[in-house]
C-alpha atoms as a PDB file:
ATOM      1  CA  MET A   1     121.238 128.397 135.983  1.00  0.00           C
ATOM      2  CA  LEU A   2     120.995 130.651 132.960  1.00  0.00           C
ATOM      3  CA  ILE A   3     119.652 129.137 129.759  1.00  0.00           C
ATOM      4  CA  PHE A   4     119.312 131.506 126.819  1.00  0.00           C
ATOM      5  CA  GLY A   5     119.372 134.401 129.248  1.00  0.00           C
ATOM      6  CA  VAL A   6     116.544 133.016 131.403  1.00  0.00           C
ATOM      7  CA  ASP A   7     117.178 131.987 134.989  1.00  0.00           C
ATOM      8  CA  ILE A   8     115.847 128.420 135.452  1.00  0.00           C
ATOM      9  CA  PRO A   9     116.469 126.496 138.649  1.00  0.00           C
ATOM     10  CA  LEU A  10     118.562 123.348 138.177  1.00  0.00           C
ATOM     11  CA  VAL A  11     116.145 121.287 140.291  1.00  0.00           C
ATOM     12  CA  GLU A  12     113.268 121.918 137.877  1.00  0.00           C
ATOM     13  CA  ILE A  13     115.406 120.918 134.920  1.00  0.00           C
ATOM     14  CA  THR A  14     116.426 117.717 136.681  1.00  0.00           C
ATOM     15  CA  ILE A  15     112.818 116.883 137.570  1.00  0.00           C
ATOM     16  CA  ALA A  16     111.661 117.567 134.009  1.00  0.00           C
ATOM     17  CA  LEU A  17     114.392 115.343 132.557  1.00  0.00           C
ATOM     18  CA  ALA A  18     113.633 112.592 135.079  1.00  0.00           C
ATOM     19  CA  LEU A  19     109.938 112.756 134.171  1.00  0.00           C
ATOM     20  CA  MET A  20     110.713 112.488 130.455  1.00  0.00           C
ATOM     21  CA  LEU A  21     113.051 109.547 131.070  1.00  0.00           C
ATOM     22  CA  PHE A  22     110.391 107.804 133.152  1.00  0.00           C
ATOM     23  CA  ILE A  23     107.808 108.252 130.394  1.00  0.00           C
ATOM     24  CA  LEU A  24     110.250 106.882 127.797  1.00  0.00           C
ATOM     25  CA  LEU A  25     111.034 103.914 130.043  1.00  0.00           C
ATOM     26  CA  VAL A  26     107.347 103.085 130.438  1.00  0.00           C
ATOM     27  CA  GLU A  27     106.806 103.338 126.684  1.00  0.00           C
ATOM     28  CA  ALA A  28     109.786 101.078 126.030  1.00  0.00           C
ATOM     29  CA  LEU A  29     108.480  98.493 128.495  1.00  0.00           C
ATOM     30  CA  ILE A  30     105.048  98.535 126.843  1.00  0.00           C
ATOM     31  CA  VAL A  31     106.610  98.038 123.400  1.00  0.00           C
ATOM     32  CA  ILE A  32     108.776  95.166 124.672  1.00  0.00           C
ATOM     33  CA  ILE A  33     105.752  93.457 126.276  1.00  0.00           C
ATOM     34  CA  LEU A  34     103.739  93.798 123.065  1.00  0.00           C
ATOM     35  CA  LEU A  35     106.618  92.417 120.996  1.00  0.00           C
ATOM     36  CA  MET A  36     106.956  89.417 123.311  1.00  0.00           C
ATOM     37  CA  LYS A  37     103.238  88.669 123.008  1.00  0.00           C
ATOM     38  CA  GLN A  38     103.446  88.938 119.223  1.00  0.00           C
ATOM     39  CA  MET A  39     106.488  86.627 119.134  1.00  0.00           C
ATOM     40  CA  SER A  40     104.559  84.075 121.178  1.00  0.00           C
ATOM     41  CA  LYS A  41     101.630  84.236 118.774  1.00  0.00           C
ATOM     42  CA  SER A  42     103.984  83.931 115.786  1.00  0.00           C
ATOM     43  CA  LYS A  43     105.652  80.876 117.324  1.00  0.00           C
ATOM     44  CA  GLN A  44     102.280  79.227 117.938  1.00  0.00           C
ATOM     45  CA  LEU A  45     101.233  79.997 114.364  1.00  0.00           C
ATOM     46  CA  GLY A  46     104.479  78.496 113.064  1.00  0.00           C
ATOM     47  CA  ASP A  47     103.885  75.331 115.089  1.00  0.00           C
ATOM     48  CA  LEU A  48     100.333  75.031 113.775  1.00  0.00           C
ATOM     49  CA  ILE A  49     101.496  75.509 110.176  1.00  0.00           C
ATOM     50  CA  SER A  50     104.147  72.836 110.704  1.00  0.00           C
ATOM     51  CA  LYS A  51     101.555  70.393 112.050  1.00  0.00           C
ATOM     52  CA  LEU A  52      99.247  71.208 109.145  1.00  0.00           C
ATOM     53  CA  SER A  53     101.966  70.553 106.573  1.00  0.00           C
ATOM     54  CA  GLU A  54     102.853  67.233 108.252  1.00  0.00           C
ATOM     55  CA  THR A  55      99.192  66.212 108.195  1.00  0.00           C
ATOM     56  CA  ILE A  56      98.866  67.116 104.527  1.00  0.00           C
ATOM     57  CA  LEU A  57     101.998  65.129 103.694  1.00  0.00           C
ATOM     58  CA  ASP A  58     100.652  62.121 105.609  1.00  0.00           C
ATOM     59  CA  ILE A  59      97.375  62.327 103.703  1.00  0.00           C
ATOM     60  CA  LYS A  60      99.226  62.524 100.375  1.00  0.00           C
ATOM     61  CA  ASN A  61     101.366  59.522 101.312  1.00  0.00           C
ATOM     62  CA  LYS A  62      98.244  57.510 102.216  1.00  0.00           C
ATOM     63  CA  GLU A  63      96.651  58.479  98.891  1.00  0.00           C
ATOM     64  CA  ILE A  64      99.768  57.369  97.000  1.00  0.00           C
ATOM     65  CA  GLU A  65      99.769  54.042  98.859  1.00  0.00           C
ATOM     66  CA  GLU A  66      96.088  53.490  98.026  1.00  0.00           C
ATOM     67  CA  LEU A  67      96.705  54.323  94.368  1.00  0.00           C
ATOM     68  CA  ASP A  68      99.606  51.884  94.277  1.00  0.00           C
ATOM     69  CA  LYS A  69      97.356  49.159  95.742  1.00  0.00           C
ATOM     70  CA  ILE A  70      94.699  49.862  93.136  1.00  0.00           C
ATOM     71  CA  LYS A  71      97.245  49.688  90.257  1.00  0.00           C
ATOM     72  CA  ARG A  72      98.451  46.248  91.342  1.00  0.00           C
END
């Protein structure tokens, strides 16, 4: 096969393209795995923040009840 006037065998081009595609596939898989781990951590953080806000609201409600008892 002639490319820019240079004779390059088609098999070598195919192998080179296959190697590049394999490298890109591996990189994509690594990125997907890292994104899944980060999503898991973000979900856990969201759950912890939700529990923290519920706890703070419970504490505030208890304080309001105690203040109401003191006022009476």
